[in-house]
Amino acid sequence: MPPLSGSVALPAGTSPRLSFDAYVTTQETGTTAYDKLTVQINGSTVTTLSNASTTNAWFATSASLAAYAGQTVTLGFAATNGTKLPTTFWVDDVSVLA
């Protein structure tokens, strides 16, 4: 289970979407993804942000959860950093819409 997680019931017969706002700051340069924020459903990754996602502004992110409709799932966020330069991931306004 990821460090930040919770259960959510997804209604059957719908096409639910996960939406959230993210902000990424990093000391990394270039486009290599050394540091990552993974968003998981039942331990499977549905979307990933990285140090290369830096925009210096909040941005909207979403992922389809249609494959999980009709289930109660565990939604989780987990960040990992490489060994050198840090990246910070902020997440806000998390919602699941059916």
PDB file of N, CA and C in Angstrom:
ATOM      1  N   MET A   1       0.846  -1.169   0.000  1.00  0.00           N
ATOM      2  CA  MET A   1       0.000   0.000   0.000  1.00  0.00           C
ATOM      3  C   MET A   1       0.900   1.243   0.000  1.00  0.00           C
ATOM      4  N   PRO A   2       0.605   2.237  -0.866  1.00  0.00           N
ATOM      5  CA  PRO A   2       1.391   3.468  -0.912  1.00  0.00           C
ATOM      6  C   PRO A   2       1.284   4.255   0.401  1.00  0.00           C
ATOM      7  N   PRO A   3       2.230   5.159   0.640  1.00  0.00           N
ATOM      8  CA  PRO A   3       2.215   5.944   1.872  1.00  0.00           C
ATOM      9  C   PRO A   3       0.938   6.757   2.098  1.00  0.00           C
ATOM     10  N   LEU A   4       0.324   7.258   1.042  1.00  0.00           N
ATOM     11  CA  LEU A   4      -0.922   8.011   1.166  1.00  0.00           C
ATOM     12  C   LEU A   4      -1.968   7.268   0.359  1.00  0.00           C
ATOM     13  N   SER A   5      -2.975   6.709   1.043  1.00  0.00           N
ATOM     14  CA  SER A   5      -3.966   5.924   0.316  1.00  0.00           C
ATOM     15  C   SER A   5      -5.312   5.961   1.021  1.00  0.00           C
ATOM     16  N   GLY A   6      -6.342   5.569   0.288  1.00  0.00           N
ATOM     17  CA  GLY A   6      -7.686   5.485   0.833  1.00  0.00           C
ATOM     18  C   GLY A   6      -8.573   4.687  -0.102  1.00  0.00           C
ATOM     19  N   SER A   7      -9.687   4.227   0.419  1.00  0.00           N
ATOM     20  CA  SER A   7     -10.624   3.436  -0.377  1.00  0.00           C
ATOM     21  C   SER A   7     -11.709   4.328  -0.959  1.00  0.00           C
ATOM     22  N   VAL A   8     -12.150   3.958  -2.149  1.00  0.00           N
ATOM     23  CA  VAL A   8     -13.231   4.682  -2.804  1.00  0.00           C
ATOM     24  C   VAL A   8     -14.072   3.678  -3.586  1.00  0.00           C
ATOM     25  N   ALA A   9     -15.401   3.827  -3.496  1.00  0.00           N
ATOM     26  CA  ALA A   9     -16.330   2.970  -4.244  1.00  0.00           C
ATOM     27  C   ALA A   9     -16.627   3.628  -5.582  1.00  0.00           C
ATOM     28  N   LEU A  10     -16.423   2.891  -6.658  1.00  0.00           N
ATOM     29  CA  LEU A  10     -16.676   3.394  -8.007  1.00  0.00           C
ATOM     30  C   LEU A  10     -17.967   2.776  -8.525  1.00  0.00           C
ATOM     31  N   PRO A  11     -18.967   3.581  -8.846  1.00  0.00           N
ATOM     32  CA  PRO A  11     -20.260   3.050  -9.265  1.00  0.00           C
ATOM     33  C   PRO A  11     -20.167   2.217 -10.552  1.00  0.00           C
ATOM     34  N   ALA A  12     -20.943   1.155 -10.615  1.00  0.00           N
ATOM     35  CA  ALA A  12     -21.027   0.335 -11.826  1.00  0.00           C
ATOM     36  C   ALA A  12     -21.751   1.114 -12.916  1.00  0.00           C
ATOM     37  N   GLY A  13     -21.463   0.781 -14.161  1.00  0.00           N
ATOM     38  CA  GLY A  13     -22.147   1.403 -15.290  1.00  0.00           C
ATOM     39  C   GLY A  13     -21.726   2.834 -15.556  1.00  0.00           C
ATOM     40  N   THR A  14     -20.577   3.243 -15.020  1.00  0.00           N
ATOM     41  CA  THR A  14     -20.079   4.600 -15.223  1.00  0.00           C
ATOM     42  C   THR A  14     -18.665   4.537 -15.784  1.00  0.00           C
ATOM     43  N   SER A  15     -18.134   5.685 -16.121  1.00  0.00           N
ATOM     44  CA  SER A  15     -16.742   5.810 -16.571  1.00  0.00           C
ATOM     45  C   SER A  15     -16.031   6.785 -15.634  1.00  0.00           C
ATOM     46  N   PRO A  16     -15.720   6.352 -14.415  1.00  0.00           N
ATOM     47  CA  PRO A  16     -15.128   7.269 -13.446  1.00  0.00           C
ATOM     48  C   PRO A  16     -13.744   7.753 -13.865  1.00  0.00           C
ATOM     49  N   ARG A  17     -13.433   8.985 -13.435  1.00  0.00           N
ATOM     50  CA  ARG A  17     -12.126   9.602 -13.699  1.00  0.00           C
ATOM     51  C   ARG A  17     -11.575  10.145 -12.394  1.00  0.00           C
ATOM     52  N   LEU A  18     -10.299   9.936 -12.212  1.00  0.00           N
ATOM     53  CA  LEU A  18      -9.560  10.542 -11.123  1.00  0.00           C
ATOM     54  C   LEU A  18      -9.021  11.867 -11.624  1.00  0.00           C
ATOM     55  N   SER A  19      -9.216  12.921 -10.847  1.00  0.00           N
ATOM     56  CA  SER A  19      -8.682  14.235 -11.195  1.00  0.00           C
ATOM     57  C   SER A  19      -7.963  14.803  -9.983  1.00  0.00           C
ATOM     58  N   PHE A  20      -6.860  15.497 -10.221  1.00  0.00           N
ATOM     59  CA  PHE A  20      -6.170  16.196  -9.151  1.00  0.00           C
ATOM     60  C   PHE A  20      -5.264  17.266  -9.742  1.00  0.00           C
ATOM     61  N   ASP A  21      -4.925  18.222  -8.910  1.00  0.00           N
ATOM     62  CA  ASP A  21      -3.984  19.263  -9.288  1.00  0.00           C
ATOM     63  C   ASP A  21      -2.618  18.892  -8.719  1.00  0.00           C
ATOM     64  N   ALA A  22      -1.572  19.204  -9.454  1.00  0.00           N
ATOM     65  CA  ALA A  22      -0.216  18.872  -9.018  1.00  0.00           C
ATOM     66  C   ALA A  22       0.706  20.065  -9.231  1.00  0.00           C
ATOM     67  N   TYR A  23       1.738  20.097  -8.422  1.00  0.00           N
ATOM     68  CA  TYR A  23       2.803  21.102  -8.543  1.00  0.00           C
ATOM     69  C   TYR A  23       4.102  20.357  -8.277  1.00  0.00           C
ATOM     70  N   VAL A  24       5.075  20.529  -9.153  1.00  0.00           N
ATOM     71  CA  VAL A  24       6.336  19.800  -9.037  1.00  0.00           C
ATOM     72  C   VAL A  24       7.479  20.806  -9.059  1.00  0.00           C
ATOM     73  N   THR A  25       8.367  20.710  -8.072  1.00  0.00           N
ATOM     74  CA  THR A  25       9.590  21.502  -8.095  1.00  0.00           C
ATOM     75  C   THR A  25      10.767  20.538  -8.012  1.00  0.00           C
ATOM     76  N   THR A  26      11.863  20.903  -8.671  1.00  0.00           N
ATOM     77  CA  THR A  26      13.015  20.000  -8.693  1.00  0.00           C
ATOM     78  C   THR A  26      14.308  20.771  -8.861  1.00  0.00           C
ATOM     79  N   GLN A  27      15.381  20.135  -8.431  1.00  0.00           N
ATOM     80  CA  GLN A  27      16.725  20.640  -8.707  1.00  0.00           C
ATOM     81  C   GLN A  27      17.356  19.865  -9.862  1.00  0.00           C
ATOM     82  N   GLU A  28      16.640  18.855 -10.366  1.00  0.00           N
ATOM     83  CA  GLU A  28      17.118  18.080 -11.508  1.00  0.00           C
ATOM     84  C   GLU A  28      17.074  18.952 -12.761  1.00  0.00           C
ATOM     85  N   THR A  29      17.896  18.615 -13.739  1.00  0.00           N
ATOM     86  CA  THR A  29      17.852  19.284 -15.041  1.00  0.00           C
ATOM     87  C   THR A  29      17.650  18.211 -16.102  1.00  0.00           C
ATOM     88  N   GLY A  30      17.148  18.609 -17.235  1.00  0.00           N
ATOM     89  CA  GLY A  30      16.946  17.659 -18.323  1.00  0.00           C
ATOM     90  C   GLY A  30      15.604  16.963 -18.228  1.00  0.00           C
ATOM     91  N   THR A  31      15.437  15.945 -19.056  1.00  0.00           N
ATOM     92  CA  THR A  31      14.146  15.267 -19.164  1.00  0.00           C
ATOM     93  C   THR A  31      14.169  13.833 -18.647  1.00  0.00           C
ATOM     94  N   THR A  32      15.264  13.401 -18.044  1.00  0.00           N
ATOM     95  CA  THR A  32      15.317  12.063 -17.474  1.00  0.00           C
ATOM     96  C   THR A  32      14.508  12.021 -16.182  1.00  0.00           C
ATOM     97  N   ALA A  33      13.634  11.039 -16.052  1.00  0.00           N
ATOM     98  CA  ALA A  33      12.749  10.922 -14.883  1.00  0.00           C
ATOM     99  C   ALA A  33      13.464  10.177 -13.756  1.00  0.00           C
ATOM    100  N   TYR A  34      14.194  10.916 -12.928  1.00  0.00           N
ATOM    101  CA  TYR A  34      14.876  10.316 -11.782  1.00  0.00           C
ATOM    102  C   TYR A  34      13.935  10.164 -10.589  1.00  0.00           C
ATOM    103  N   ASP A  35      13.028  11.117 -10.428  1.00  0.00           N
ATOM    104  CA  ASP A  35      12.136  11.174  -9.271  1.00  0.00           C
ATOM    105  C   ASP A  35      10.705  11.051  -9.779  1.00  0.00           C
ATOM    106  N   LYS A  36       9.887  10.254  -9.077  1.00  0.00           N
ATOM    107  CA  LYS A  36       8.543   9.975  -9.596  1.00  0.00           C
ATOM    108  C   LYS A  36       7.479  10.021  -8.513  1.00  0.00           C
ATOM    109  N   LEU A  37       6.295  10.427  -8.924  1.00  0.00           N
ATOM    110  CA  LEU A  37       5.082  10.306  -8.123  1.00  0.00           C
ATOM    111  C   LEU A  37       4.176   9.356  -8.889  1.00  0.00           C
ATOM    112  N   THR A  38       3.886   8.207  -8.310  1.00  0.00           N
ATOM    113  CA  THR A  38       2.988   7.261  -8.965  1.00  0.00           C
ATOM    114  C   THR A  38       1.627   7.312  -8.283  1.00  0.00           C
ATOM    115  N   VAL A  39       0.607   7.232  -9.102  1.00  0.00           N
ATOM    116  CA  VAL A  39      -0.767   7.163  -8.624  1.00  0.00           C
ATOM    117  C   VAL A  39      -1.243   5.748  -8.933  1.00  0.00           C
ATOM    118  N   GLN A  40      -1.691   5.056  -7.894  1.00  0.00           N
ATOM    119  CA  GLN A  40      -2.016   3.642  -8.042  1.00  0.00           C
ATOM    120  C   GLN A  40      -3.464   3.339  -7.647  1.00  0.00           C
ATOM    121  N   ILE A  41      -4.022   2.353  -8.320  1.00  0.00           N
ATOM    122  CA  ILE A  41      -5.307   1.764  -7.958  1.00  0.00           C
ATOM    123  C   ILE A  41      -5.024   0.296  -7.666  1.00  0.00           C
ATOM    124  N   ASN A  42      -5.339  -0.124  -6.453  1.00  0.00           N
ATOM    125  CA  ASN A  42      -5.093  -1.513  -6.029  1.00  0.00           C
ATOM    126  C   ASN A  42      -3.665  -1.957  -6.334  1.00  0.00           C
ATOM    127  N   GLY A  43      -2.717  -1.039  -6.215  1.00  0.00           N
ATOM    128  CA  GLY A  43      -1.304  -1.361  -6.437  1.00  0.00           C
ATOM    129  C   GLY A  43      -0.842  -1.267  -7.872  1.00  0.00           C
ATOM    130  N   SER A  44      -1.761  -1.047  -8.825  1.00  0.00           N
ATOM    131  CA  SER A  44      -1.389  -0.894 -10.237  1.00  0.00           C
ATOM    132  C   SER A  44      -1.300   0.587 -10.574  1.00  0.00           C
ATOM    133  N   THR A  45      -0.247   0.984 -11.247  1.00  0.00           N
ATOM    134  CA  THR A  45      -0.034   2.386 -11.598  1.00  0.00           C
ATOM    135  C   THR A  45      -1.002   2.818 -12.688  1.00  0.00           C
ATOM    136  N   VAL A  46      -1.723   3.938 -12.433  1.00  0.00           N
ATOM    137  CA  VAL A  46      -2.630   4.487 -13.442  1.00  0.00           C
ATOM    138  C   VAL A  46      -2.065   5.747 -14.079  1.00  0.00           C
ATOM    139  N   THR A  47      -1.160   6.436 -13.397  1.00  0.00           N
ATOM    140  CA  THR A  47      -0.478   7.584 -13.980  1.00  0.00           C
ATOM    141  C   THR A  47       0.772   7.880 -13.167  1.00  0.00           C
ATOM    142  N   THR A  48       1.743   8.523 -13.806  1.00  0.00           N
ATOM    143  CA  THR A  48       3.002   8.851 -13.153  1.00  0.00           C
ATOM    144  C   THR A  48       3.410  10.270 -13.522  1.00  0.00           C
ATOM    145  N   LEU A  49       3.840  11.020 -12.525  1.00  0.00           N
ATOM    146  CA  LEU A  49       4.475  12.313 -12.745  1.00  0.00           C
ATOM    147  C   LEU A  49       5.944  12.144 -12.397  1.00  0.00           C
ATOM    148  N   SER A  50       6.797  13.026 -12.917  1.00  0.00           N
ATOM    149  CA  SER A  50       8.217  12.926 -12.612  1.00  0.00           C
ATOM    150  C   SER A  50       8.835  14.308 -12.498  1.00  0.00           C
ATOM    151  N   ASN A  51      10.138  14.336 -12.197  1.00  0.00           N
ATOM    152  CA  ASN A  51      10.844  15.609 -12.144  1.00  0.00           C
ATOM    153  C   ASN A  51      10.763  16.319 -13.496  1.00  0.00           C
ATOM    154  N   ALA A  52      10.573  15.584 -14.575  1.00  0.00           N
ATOM    155  CA  ALA A  52      10.435  16.189 -15.901  1.00  0.00           C
ATOM    156  C   ALA A  52       9.061  16.843 -16.093  1.00  0.00           C
ATOM    157  N   SER A  53       8.139  16.658 -15.123  1.00  0.00           N
ATOM    158  CA  SER A  53       6.801  17.259 -15.187  1.00  0.00           C
ATOM    159  C   SER A  53       6.774  18.688 -14.656  1.00  0.00           C
ATOM    160  N   THR A  54       7.913  19.239 -14.297  1.00  0.00           N
ATOM    161  CA  THR A  54       7.981  20.566 -13.695  1.00  0.00           C
ATOM    162  C   THR A  54       7.469  21.633 -14.642  1.00  0.00           C
ATOM    163  N   THR A  55       6.508  22.448 -14.154  1.00  0.00           N
ATOM    164  CA  THR A  55       5.975  23.552 -14.951  1.00  0.00           C
ATOM    165  C   THR A  55       6.072  24.880 -14.206  1.00  0.00           C
ATOM    166  N   ASN A  56       6.502  24.851 -12.942  1.00  0.00           N
ATOM    167  CA  ASN A  56       6.542  26.034 -12.085  1.00  0.00           C
ATOM    168  C   ASN A  56       5.158  26.655 -11.915  1.00  0.00           C
ATOM    169  N   ALA A  57       4.131  25.810 -11.993  1.00  0.00           N
ATOM    170  CA  ALA A  57       2.752  26.241 -11.788  1.00  0.00           C
ATOM    171  C   ALA A  57       1.911  25.004 -11.485  1.00  0.00           C
ATOM    172  N   TRP A  58       0.775  25.219 -10.849  1.00  0.00           N
ATOM    173  CA  TRP A  58      -0.166  24.116 -10.638  1.00  0.00           C
ATOM    174  C   TRP A  58      -0.711  23.683 -11.991  1.00  0.00           C
ATOM    175  N   PHE A  59      -0.912  22.390 -12.180  1.00  0.00           N
ATOM    176  CA  PHE A  59      -1.514  21.889 -13.408  1.00  0.00           C
ATOM    177  C   PHE A  59      -2.472  20.757 -13.075  1.00  0.00           C
ATOM    178  N   ALA A  60      -3.477  20.592 -13.931  1.00  0.00           N
ATOM    179  CA  ALA A  60      -4.493  19.556 -13.730  1.00  0.00           C
ATOM    180  C   ALA A  60      -4.018  18.241 -14.335  1.00  0.00           C
ATOM    181  N   THR A  61      -4.324  17.153 -13.636  1.00  0.00           N
ATOM    182  CA  THR A  61      -3.974  15.814 -14.088  1.00  0.00           C
ATOM    183  C   THR A  61      -5.202  14.925 -13.919  1.00  0.00           C
ATOM    184  N   SER A  62      -5.385  13.984 -14.828  1.00  0.00           N
ATOM    185  CA  SER A  62      -6.511  13.058 -14.689  1.00  0.00           C
ATOM    186  C   SER A  62      -6.144  11.699 -15.256  1.00  0.00           C
ATOM    187  N   ALA A  63      -6.910  10.700 -14.847  1.00  0.00           N
ATOM    188  CA  ALA A  63      -6.709   9.338 -15.329  1.00  0.00           C
ATOM    189  C   ALA A  63      -8.046   8.621 -15.324  1.00  0.00           C
ATOM    190  N   SER A  64      -8.274   7.802 -16.330  1.00  0.00           N
ATOM    191  CA  SER A  64      -9.501   7.012 -16.402  1.00  0.00           C
ATOM    192  C   SER A  64      -9.450   5.876 -15.387  1.00  0.00           C
ATOM    193  N   LEU A  65     -10.573   5.686 -14.700  1.00  0.00           N
ATOM    194  CA  LEU A  65     -10.732   4.556 -13.778  1.00  0.00           C
ATOM    195  C   LEU A  65     -11.849   3.635 -14.263  1.00  0.00           C
ATOM    196  N   ALA A  66     -12.211   3.750 -15.541  1.00  0.00           N
ATOM    197  CA  ALA A  66     -13.328   2.978 -16.100  1.00  0.00           C
ATOM    198  C   ALA A  66     -13.138   1.477 -15.922  1.00  0.00           C
ATOM    199  N   ALA A  67     -11.920   1.008 -15.951  1.00  0.00           N
ATOM    200  CA  ALA A  67     -11.671  -0.434 -15.803  1.00  0.00           C
ATOM    201  C   ALA A  67     -12.027  -0.931 -14.406  1.00  0.00           C
ATOM    202  N   TYR A  68     -12.201  -0.015 -13.460  1.00  0.00           N
ATOM    203  CA  TYR A  68     -12.491  -0.388 -12.076  1.00  0.00           C
ATOM    204  C   TYR A  68     -13.933  -0.088 -11.666  1.00  0.00           C
ATOM    205  N   ALA A  69     -14.782   0.332 -12.610  1.00  0.00           N
ATOM    206  CA  ALA A  69     -16.172   0.653 -12.299  1.00  0.00           C
ATOM    207  C   ALA A  69     -16.850  -0.544 -11.640  1.00  0.00           C
ATOM    208  N   GLY A  70     -17.644  -0.272 -10.608  1.00  0.00           N
ATOM    209  CA  GLY A  70     -18.353  -1.321  -9.887  1.00  0.00           C
ATOM    210  C   GLY A  70     -17.549  -1.941  -8.757  1.00  0.00           C
ATOM    211  N   GLN A  71     -16.367  -1.423  -8.510  1.00  0.00           N
ATOM    212  CA  GLN A  71     -15.501  -1.965  -7.464  1.00  0.00           C
ATOM    213  C   GLN A  71     -15.212  -0.917  -6.391  1.00  0.00           C
ATOM    214  N   THR A  72     -14.862  -1.376  -5.215  1.00  0.00           N
ATOM    215  CA  THR A  72     -14.273  -0.515  -4.197  1.00  0.00           C
ATOM    216  C   THR A  72     -12.772  -0.726  -4.308  1.00  0.00           C
ATOM    217  N   VAL A  73     -12.049   0.350  -4.554  1.00  0.00           N
ATOM    218  CA  VAL A  73     -10.619   0.259  -4.831  1.00  0.00           C
ATOM    219  C   VAL A  73      -9.825   1.070  -3.809  1.00  0.00           C
ATOM    220  N   THR A  74      -8.539   0.780  -3.747  1.00  0.00           N
ATOM    221  CA  THR A  74      -7.624   1.571  -2.935  1.00  0.00           C
ATOM    222  C   THR A  74      -6.850   2.485  -3.866  1.00  0.00           C
ATOM    223  N   LEU A  75      -7.016   3.784  -3.653  1.00  0.00           N
ATOM    224  CA  LEU A  75      -6.334   4.814  -4.426  1.00  0.00           C
ATOM    225  C   LEU A  75      -5.136   5.262  -3.609  1.00  0.00           C
ATOM    226  N   GLY A  76      -3.952   5.305  -4.229  1.00  0.00           N
ATOM    227  CA  GLY A  76      -2.763   5.685  -3.480  1.00  0.00           C
ATOM    228  C   GLY A  76      -1.816   6.561  -4.266  1.00  0.00           C
ATOM    229  N   PHE A  77      -1.067   7.380  -3.537  1.00  0.00           N
ATOM    230  CA  PHE A  77      -0.028   8.234  -4.093  1.00  0.00           C
ATOM    231  C   PHE A  77       1.285   7.871  -3.401  1.00  0.00           C
ATOM    232  N   ALA A  78       2.345   7.668  -4.182  1.00  0.00           N
ATOM    233  CA  ALA A  78       3.649   7.342  -3.601  1.00  0.00           C
ATOM    234  C   ALA A  78       4.742   8.055  -4.393  1.00  0.00           C
ATOM    235  N   ALA A  79       5.620   8.743  -3.689  1.00  0.00           N
ATOM    236  CA  ALA A  79       6.720   9.462  -4.325  1.00  0.00           C
ATOM    237  C   ALA A  79       8.046   8.787  -4.002  1.00  0.00           C
ATOM    238  N   THR A  80       8.928   8.764  -4.989  1.00  0.00           N
ATOM    239  CA  THR A  80      10.293   8.272  -4.783  1.00  0.00           C
ATOM    240  C   THR A  80      11.260   9.290  -5.372  1.00  0.00           C
ATOM    241  N   ASN A  81      12.386   9.461  -4.709  1.00  0.00           N
ATOM    242  CA  ASN A  81      13.426  10.374  -5.172  1.00  0.00           C
ATOM    243  C   ASN A  81      14.704   9.586  -5.386  1.00  0.00           C
ATOM    244  N   GLY A  82      15.485  10.005  -6.400  1.00  0.00           N
ATOM    245  CA  GLY A  82      16.793   9.414  -6.635  1.00  0.00           C
ATOM    246  C   GLY A  82      17.734   9.810  -5.502  1.00  0.00           C
ATOM    247  N   THR A  83      18.988   9.537  -5.669  1.00  0.00           N
ATOM    248  CA  THR A  83      19.951   9.731  -4.587  1.00  0.00           C
ATOM    249  C   THR A  83      20.639  11.091  -4.592  1.00  0.00           C
ATOM    250  N   LYS A  84      20.412  11.908  -5.592  1.00  0.00           N
ATOM    251  CA  LYS A  84      21.166  13.165  -5.678  1.00  0.00           C
ATOM    252  C   LYS A  84      20.303  14.395  -5.454  1.00  0.00           C
ATOM    253  N   LEU A  85      19.644  14.875  -6.459  1.00  0.00           N
ATOM    254  CA  LEU A  85      18.921  16.142  -6.384  1.00  0.00           C
ATOM    255  C   LEU A  85      17.445  15.909  -6.077  1.00  0.00           C
ATOM    256  N   PRO A  86      16.886  16.663  -5.134  1.00  0.00           N
ATOM    257  CA  PRO A  86      15.507  16.405  -4.710  1.00  0.00           C
ATOM    258  C   PRO A  86      14.454  16.989  -5.650  1.00  0.00           C
ATOM    259  N   THR A  87      13.312  16.320  -5.649  1.00  0.00           N
ATOM    260  CA  THR A  87      12.108  16.798  -6.312  1.00  0.00           C
ATOM    261  C   THR A  87      10.988  16.747  -5.282  1.00  0.00           C
ATOM    262  N   THR A  88      10.146  17.771  -5.275  1.00  0.00           N
ATOM    263  CA  THR A  88       9.005  17.821  -4.368  1.00  0.00           C
ATOM    264  C   THR A  88       7.726  17.789  -5.195  1.00  0.00           C
ATOM    265  N   PHE A  89       6.787  16.924  -4.780  1.00  0.00           N
ATOM    266  CA  PHE A  89       5.497  16.797  -5.452  1.00  0.00           C
ATOM    267  C   PHE A  89       4.403  17.248  -4.494  1.00  0.00           C
ATOM    268  N   TRP A  90       3.554  18.176  -4.946  1.00  0.00           N
ATOM    269  CA  TRP A  90       2.385  18.578  -4.182  1.00  0.00           C
ATOM    270  C   TRP A  90       1.150  18.104  -4.944  1.00  0.00           C
ATOM    271  N   VAL A  91       0.146  17.623  -4.216  1.00  0.00           N
ATOM    272  CA  VAL A  91      -1.110  17.160  -4.796  1.00  0.00           C
ATOM    273  C   VAL A  91      -2.248  17.842  -4.037  1.00  0.00           C
ATOM    274  N   ASP A  92      -3.255  18.330  -4.760  1.00  0.00           N
ATOM    275  CA  ASP A  92      -4.377  19.033  -4.148  1.00  0.00           C
ATOM    276  C   ASP A  92      -5.638  18.750  -4.954  1.00  0.00           C
ATOM    277  N   ASP A  93      -6.770  18.972  -4.324  1.00  0.00           N
ATOM    278  CA  ASP A  93      -8.079  18.859  -4.975  1.00  0.00           C
ATOM    279  C   ASP A  93      -8.287  17.508  -5.669  1.00  0.00           C
ATOM    280  N   VAL A  94      -8.020  16.440  -4.945  1.00  0.00           N
ATOM    281  CA  VAL A  94      -8.212  15.085  -5.476  1.00  0.00           C
ATOM    282  C   VAL A  94      -9.703  14.766  -5.509  1.00  0.00           C
ATOM    283  N   SER A  95     -10.184  14.282  -6.648  1.00  0.00           N
ATOM    284  CA  SER A  95     -11.592  13.894  -6.755  1.00  0.00           C
ATOM    285  C   SER A  95     -11.741  12.722  -7.728  1.00  0.00           C
ATOM    286  N   VAL A  96     -12.793  11.954  -7.496  1.00  0.00           N
ATOM    287  CA  VAL A  96     -13.165  10.890  -8.419  1.00  0.00           C
ATOM    288  C   VAL A  96     -14.585  11.211  -8.867  1.00  0.00           C
ATOM    289  N   LEU A  97     -14.744  11.398 -10.166  1.00  0.00           N
ATOM    290  CA  LEU A  97     -16.043  11.745 -10.725  1.00  0.00           C
ATOM    291  C   LEU A  97     -16.539  10.603 -11.590  1.00  0.00           C
ATOM    292  N   ALA A  98     -17.797  10.240 -11.404  1.00  0.00           N
ATOM    293  CA  ALA A  98     -18.377   9.153 -12.180  1.00  0.00           C
ATOM    294  C   ALA A  98     -19.196   9.700 -13.330  1.00  0.00           C
TER     295      ALA A  98
END
